[in-house]
């Protein structure tokens, strides 16, 4: 298993592309529609998406890598 989750992912699944896409979605909805009750739920969805894919998934991957390293060292 690789030490970094991101080294196994394609360019469109890197942290910079996830952040960029979220900013474009929320910014684009506000720029195009100027309706806060559409942009606000989109922003909440993007924040949840970021939390899952930029915080939870890497933490779970790192825990798995550390667990695998401890099991193989025994």
Foldseek 3Di string as FASTA:
>chain_A
DDQFPQVPDDPCLHLVNLVVVLCCVLVVCCVVPVDCVVSVVSNVVSVVVCCVSVPVVRVVVNVVVVVVVVVVVD
